[in-house]
Amino acid sequence: MRRLTIWQALAISSQFGILLAASVLVGFGLGWLVDKLTGVGAIAYFVGATLGMVAGVYSMVKLVRVFLQRRG
C-alpha cells in the first residue's frame, strides 16, 4: 500500500469539508423554502439542516469506501 502525497491528503480532507458544508447549506435552504411556502416556522430550518447533515455524512462514508477500495 503506497502512502499519500501531501496534495492527495489535502484534496481528500478539503473534499470532506466542502461536502459537509454544502450539504448542510442545501438542507438549510430547502428548510427555508419550506418555511416560506408553508409558514411552519423555524422547525423547517432545523429539520432541513439536520437532513443535510445526515446526507453529508452519508456521502462522506461513500467517499471513504470508494477511496479505500481504490487503494486496495
N, C-alpha and C. Protein backbone atom coordinates (compact mmCIF):
# COMPACT_ATOMS: atom_id res chain seq x y z
N MET A 1 0.85 -1.18 0.00
CA MET A 1 0.00 0.00 0.00
C MET A 1 0.90 1.24 0.00
N ARG A 2 0.70 2.09 -0.99
CA ARG A 2 1.55 3.27 -1.07
C ARG A 2 0.98 4.41 -0.23
N ARG A 3 1.85 5.27 0.17
CA ARG A 3 1.45 6.40 1.01
C ARG A 3 0.92 7.53 0.15
N LEU A 4 0.06 8.36 0.76
CA LEU A 4 -0.49 9.52 0.06
C LEU A 4 0.53 10.65 0.03
N THR A 5 0.50 11.40 -1.04
CA THR A 5 1.30 12.63 -1.05
C THR A 5 0.53 13.68 -0.24
N ILE A 6 1.20 14.75 0.09
CA ILE A 6 0.56 15.81 0.86
C ILE A 6 -0.60 16.43 0.07
N TRP A 7 -0.45 16.50 -1.25
CA TRP A 7 -1.50 17.11 -2.07
C TRP A 7 -2.73 16.21 -2.16
N GLN A 8 -2.52 14.90 -2.20
CA GLN A 8 -3.65 13.98 -2.21
C GLN A 8 -4.40 14.03 -0.88
N ALA A 9 -3.67 14.06 0.20
CA ALA A 9 -4.29 14.14 1.52
C ALA A 9 -5.05 15.45 1.69
N LEU A 10 -4.48 16.54 1.20
CA LEU A 10 -5.15 17.83 1.26
C LEU A 10 -6.43 17.83 0.42
N ALA A 11 -6.38 17.22 -0.75
CA ALA A 11 -7.55 17.16 -1.62
C ALA A 11 -8.68 16.36 -0.97
N ILE A 12 -8.35 15.26 -0.35
CA ILE A 12 -9.37 14.43 0.29
C ILE A 12 -9.97 15.14 1.49
N SER A 13 -9.14 15.74 2.33
CA SER A 13 -9.66 16.41 3.52
C SER A 13 -10.49 17.64 3.16
N SER A 14 -10.08 18.38 2.14
CA SER A 14 -10.88 19.54 1.75
C SER A 14 -12.20 19.11 1.11
N GLN A 15 -12.20 17.98 0.43
CA GLN A 15 -13.44 17.48 -0.15
C GLN A 15 -14.43 17.11 0.96
N PHE A 16 -13.96 16.57 2.06
CA PHE A 16 -14.84 16.28 3.19
C PHE A 16 -15.51 17.54 3.71
N GLY A 17 -14.71 18.58 3.92
CA GLY A 17 -15.25 19.82 4.46
C GLY A 17 -16.24 20.48 3.52
N ILE A 18 -15.91 20.53 2.26
CA ILE A 18 -16.79 21.15 1.28
C ILE A 18 -18.08 20.36 1.15
N LEU A 19 -17.97 19.04 1.14
CA LEU A 19 -19.14 18.18 1.00
C LEU A 19 -20.10 18.36 2.17
N LEU A 20 -19.58 18.38 3.38
CA LEU A 20 -20.46 18.53 4.55
C LEU A 20 -21.07 19.92 4.60
N ALA A 21 -20.27 20.95 4.35
CA ALA A 21 -20.80 22.32 4.38
C ALA A 21 -21.86 22.53 3.31
N ALA A 22 -21.62 22.04 2.12
CA ALA A 22 -22.59 22.20 1.04
C ALA A 22 -23.89 21.46 1.35
N SER A 23 -23.78 20.27 1.92
CA SER A 23 -24.98 19.50 2.25
C SER A 23 -25.82 20.22 3.31
N VAL A 24 -25.18 20.76 4.32
CA VAL A 24 -25.91 21.47 5.37
C VAL A 24 -26.55 22.74 4.80
N LEU A 25 -25.83 23.46 3.97
CA LEU A 25 -26.38 24.68 3.37
C LEU A 25 -27.56 24.39 2.46
N VAL A 26 -27.47 23.34 1.67
CA VAL A 26 -28.59 22.97 0.81
C VAL A 26 -29.79 22.55 1.65
N GLY A 27 -29.55 21.77 2.69
CA GLY A 27 -30.64 21.38 3.59
C GLY A 27 -31.27 22.58 4.28
N PHE A 28 -30.45 23.51 4.72
CA PHE A 28 -30.97 24.73 5.35
C PHE A 28 -31.78 25.55 4.36
N GLY A 29 -31.29 25.64 3.12
CA GLY A 29 -32.01 26.37 2.08
C GLY A 29 -33.35 25.74 1.76
N LEU A 30 -33.38 24.42 1.71
CA LEU A 30 -34.66 23.75 1.49
C LEU A 30 -35.61 23.96 2.67
N GLY A 31 -35.06 23.97 3.88
CA GLY A 31 -35.88 24.27 5.05
C GLY A 31 -36.44 25.68 5.00
N TRP A 32 -35.63 26.62 4.55
CA TRP A 32 -36.10 28.00 4.40
C TRP A 32 -37.23 28.07 3.37
N LEU A 33 -37.06 27.34 2.26
CA LEU A 33 -38.08 27.32 1.23
C LEU A 33 -39.39 26.72 1.74
N VAL A 34 -39.29 25.64 2.48
CA VAL A 34 -40.48 25.02 3.07
C VAL A 34 -41.16 25.99 4.02
N ASP A 35 -40.37 26.71 4.82
CA ASP A 35 -40.94 27.69 5.74
C ASP A 35 -41.67 28.80 4.99
N LYS A 36 -41.07 29.29 3.92
CA LYS A 36 -41.69 30.38 3.16
C LYS A 36 -42.98 29.91 2.49
N LEU A 37 -42.99 28.68 2.01
CA LEU A 37 -44.18 28.17 1.31
C LEU A 37 -45.30 27.76 2.26
N THR A 38 -44.94 27.23 3.42
CA THR A 38 -45.97 26.70 4.32
C THR A 38 -46.15 27.51 5.59
N GLY A 39 -45.13 28.25 5.99
CA GLY A 39 -45.23 29.04 7.21
C GLY A 39 -45.13 28.23 8.49
N VAL A 40 -44.43 27.09 8.46
CA VAL A 40 -44.35 26.23 9.65
C VAL A 40 -43.40 26.77 10.70
N GLY A 41 -42.54 27.69 10.36
CA GLY A 41 -41.65 28.29 11.34
C GLY A 41 -40.24 27.74 11.28
N ALA A 42 -39.51 28.01 12.34
CA ALA A 42 -38.08 27.68 12.38
C ALA A 42 -37.81 26.18 12.41
N ILE A 43 -38.80 25.39 12.71
CA ILE A 43 -38.58 23.94 12.74
C ILE A 43 -38.16 23.43 11.36
N ALA A 44 -38.63 24.08 10.31
CA ALA A 44 -38.24 23.68 8.95
C ALA A 44 -36.74 23.90 8.73
N TYR A 45 -36.19 24.99 9.28
CA TYR A 45 -34.75 25.23 9.17
C TYR A 45 -33.97 24.10 9.85
N PHE A 46 -34.40 23.77 11.05
CA PHE A 46 -33.73 22.73 11.84
C PHE A 46 -33.80 21.37 11.14
N VAL A 47 -34.97 21.00 10.68
CA VAL A 47 -35.14 19.72 10.00
C VAL A 47 -34.32 19.69 8.71
N GLY A 48 -34.36 20.78 7.95
CA GLY A 48 -33.59 20.83 6.72
C GLY A 48 -32.10 20.73 6.95
N ALA A 49 -31.59 21.46 7.93
CA ALA A 49 -30.16 21.41 8.23
C ALA A 49 -29.76 20.03 8.76
N THR A 50 -30.61 19.43 9.57
CA THR A 50 -30.32 18.10 10.10
C THR A 50 -30.29 17.06 8.98
N LEU A 51 -31.28 17.12 8.09
CA LEU A 51 -31.28 16.20 6.96
C LEU A 51 -30.07 16.44 6.05
N GLY A 52 -29.69 17.69 5.88
CA GLY A 52 -28.49 17.99 5.11
C GLY A 52 -27.24 17.42 5.74
N MET A 53 -27.16 17.48 7.06
CA MET A 53 -26.00 16.93 7.76
C MET A 53 -25.97 15.41 7.62
N VAL A 54 -27.12 14.78 7.74
CA VAL A 54 -27.18 13.32 7.58
C VAL A 54 -26.77 12.94 6.16
N ALA A 55 -27.26 13.68 5.17
CA ALA A 55 -26.89 13.40 3.78
C ALA A 55 -25.39 13.62 3.56
N GLY A 56 -24.83 14.64 4.18
CA GLY A 56 -23.40 14.89 4.06
C GLY A 56 -22.55 13.80 4.66
N VAL A 57 -22.94 13.31 5.83
CA VAL A 57 -22.19 12.23 6.47
C VAL A 57 -22.30 10.95 5.63
N TYR A 58 -23.49 10.69 5.10
CA TYR A 58 -23.67 9.52 4.23
C TYR A 58 -22.78 9.62 2.99
N SER A 59 -22.71 10.78 2.41
CA SER A 59 -21.85 10.98 1.24
C SER A 59 -20.38 10.82 1.59
N MET A 60 -19.98 11.27 2.77
CA MET A 60 -18.59 11.11 3.19
C MET A 60 -18.26 9.64 3.39
N VAL A 61 -19.18 8.87 3.95
CA VAL A 61 -18.95 7.44 4.14
C VAL A 61 -18.77 6.76 2.79
N LYS A 62 -19.62 7.12 1.82
CA LYS A 62 -19.47 6.56 0.48
C LYS A 62 -18.13 6.94 -0.13
N LEU A 63 -17.70 8.16 0.06
CA LEU A 63 -16.43 8.63 -0.47
C LEU A 63 -15.26 7.85 0.14
N VAL A 64 -15.31 7.61 1.43
CA VAL A 64 -14.25 6.86 2.10
C VAL A 64 -14.22 5.42 1.59
N ARG A 65 -15.39 4.82 1.40
CA ARG A 65 -15.43 3.44 0.88
C ARG A 65 -14.79 3.36 -0.50
N VAL A 66 -15.12 4.29 -1.38
CA VAL A 66 -14.53 4.30 -2.72
C VAL A 66 -13.02 4.50 -2.63
N PHE A 67 -12.59 5.40 -1.79
CA PHE A 67 -11.17 5.67 -1.63
C PHE A 67 -10.44 4.43 -1.13
N LEU A 68 -11.00 3.73 -0.16
CA LEU A 68 -10.34 2.55 0.39
C LEU A 68 -10.33 1.40 -0.61
N GLN A 69 -11.37 1.28 -1.43
CA GLN A 69 -11.39 0.24 -2.45
C GLN A 69 -10.32 0.48 -3.50
N ARG A 70 -10.12 1.72 -3.88
CA ARG A 70 -9.12 2.04 -4.90
C ARG A 70 -7.70 1.83 -4.38
N ARG A 71 -7.52 2.04 -3.09
CA ARG A 71 -6.17 1.87 -2.52
C ARG A 71 -5.83 0.40 -2.34
N GLY A 72 -6.86 -0.43 -2.27
CA GLY A 72 -6.67 -1.88 -2.18
C GLY A 72 -6.29 -2.30 -0.82
